[in-house]
Amino acid sequence: MAQLAGARGTAVSLFAFSLFAGSGAGALLYAGAIDRFGYAAVFGAAGALLGAYTAVTARALRRRVAAAPAPAAPAAPAAPDLA
C-alpha cells in the first residue's frame, strides 16, 4: 500500500508540473503566434486542433469499449436464512 501512495504522489506532482509548465509555455507560444498571425488565425487553429483531438480521442474510446469484455450478470440475491 505504501508503494501506491508513493505512486499517487508522483502522479499528482507530474500533473501539477505539466499544468503549470504548459500554462507558461502556452502563453509564450500563443503570444508570439498572435503577434505574427493575428487572433483569428491562432484561435481558429486552436479550435481545429481541439476538434481533431476530440475525434481521435472519441475513436480510441470507442475501440477500447468495443474490446472490453462484457460485464458479468449480477448474482441473484441469496434467500434469507429463516432457521
Protein backbone atom coordinates (compact mmCIF):
# COMPACT_ATOMS: atom_id res chain seq x y z
CA MET A 1 0.00 0.00 0.00
CA ALA A 2 2.93 2.33 0.66
CA GLN A 3 4.07 1.95 -2.94
CA LEU A 4 0.65 3.00 -4.17
CA ALA A 5 0.75 6.12 -2.00
CA GLY A 6 4.17 7.00 -3.44
CA ALA A 7 2.92 6.44 -6.97
CA ARG A 8 -0.10 8.66 -6.27
CA GLY A 9 2.16 11.45 -5.03
CA THR A 10 4.34 11.11 -8.12
CA ALA A 11 1.30 11.23 -10.39
CA VAL A 12 -0.10 14.33 -8.68
CA SER A 13 3.25 16.12 -8.82
CA LEU A 14 3.66 15.25 -12.51
CA PHE A 15 0.16 16.57 -13.21
CA ALA A 16 0.89 19.83 -11.36
CA PHE A 17 4.20 20.26 -13.17
CA SER A 18 2.56 19.66 -16.56
CA LEU A 19 -0.27 22.06 -15.77
CA PHE A 20 1.98 24.95 -14.78
CA ALA A 21 4.71 24.30 -17.38
CA GLY A 22 2.07 24.06 -20.09
CA SER A 23 0.41 27.26 -18.95
CA GLY A 24 3.69 29.14 -19.07
CA ALA A 25 4.90 27.68 -22.37
CA GLY A 26 1.47 28.09 -23.95
CA ALA A 27 1.32 31.77 -23.04
CA LEU A 28 4.72 32.37 -24.60
CA LEU A 29 3.94 30.43 -27.76
CA TYR A 30 0.50 31.95 -28.21
CA ALA A 31 1.82 35.49 -27.65
CA GLY A 32 4.34 35.05 -30.45
CA ALA A 33 1.81 33.39 -32.75
CA ILE A 34 -0.80 36.10 -32.14
CA ASP A 35 1.73 38.82 -32.90
CA ARG A 36 2.70 37.09 -36.11
CA PHE A 37 -0.62 35.70 -37.41
CA GLY A 38 -3.37 37.54 -35.50
CA TYR A 39 -6.05 36.44 -33.08
CA ALA A 40 -8.45 34.93 -35.63
CA ALA A 41 -5.86 32.64 -37.18
CA VAL A 42 -4.43 31.45 -33.87
CA PHE A 43 -7.77 30.75 -32.23
CA GLY A 44 -9.08 29.18 -35.45
CA ALA A 45 -6.07 26.85 -35.49
CA ALA A 46 -6.57 26.04 -31.81
CA GLY A 47 -10.22 25.20 -32.48
CA ALA A 48 -9.29 22.97 -35.42
CA LEU A 49 -6.68 21.16 -33.32
CA LEU A 50 -9.17 20.71 -30.48
CA GLY A 51 -11.71 19.25 -32.91
CA ALA A 52 -9.10 16.85 -34.33
CA TYR A 53 -8.02 15.81 -30.83
CA THR A 54 -11.64 15.19 -29.87
CA ALA A 55 -12.21 13.00 -32.93
CA VAL A 56 -9.07 10.94 -32.27
CA THR A 57 -9.94 10.52 -28.58
CA ALA A 58 -13.54 9.51 -29.34
CA ARG A 59 -12.32 6.92 -31.84
CA ALA A 60 -9.84 5.48 -29.33
CA LEU A 61 -12.52 5.28 -26.63
CA ARG A 62 -14.93 3.51 -28.98
CA ARG A 63 -12.23 0.94 -29.79
CA ARG A 64 -11.46 0.46 -26.10
CA VAL A 65 -15.12 -0.05 -25.19
CA ALA A 66 -15.61 -2.48 -28.09
CA ALA A 67 -12.58 -4.53 -26.99
CA ALA A 68 -13.61 -4.68 -23.33
CA PRO A 69 -15.24 -7.88 -22.12
CA ALA A 70 -18.94 -7.73 -21.38
CA PRO A 71 -19.75 -7.20 -17.69
CA ALA A 72 -20.89 -10.25 -15.77
CA ALA A 73 -24.54 -10.52 -14.88
CA PRO A 74 -25.24 -9.67 -11.24
CA ALA A 75 -25.70 -12.63 -8.95
CA ALA A 76 -29.19 -13.39 -7.71
CA PRO A 77 -29.76 -12.28 -4.14
CA ALA A 78 -29.42 -15.05 -1.60
CA ALA A 79 -32.58 -16.37 0.01
CA PRO A 80 -32.97 -15.26 3.61
CA ASP A 81 -31.99 -17.82 6.20
CA LEU A 82 -35.14 -18.39 8.27
CA ALA A 83 -33.71 -21.08 10.53
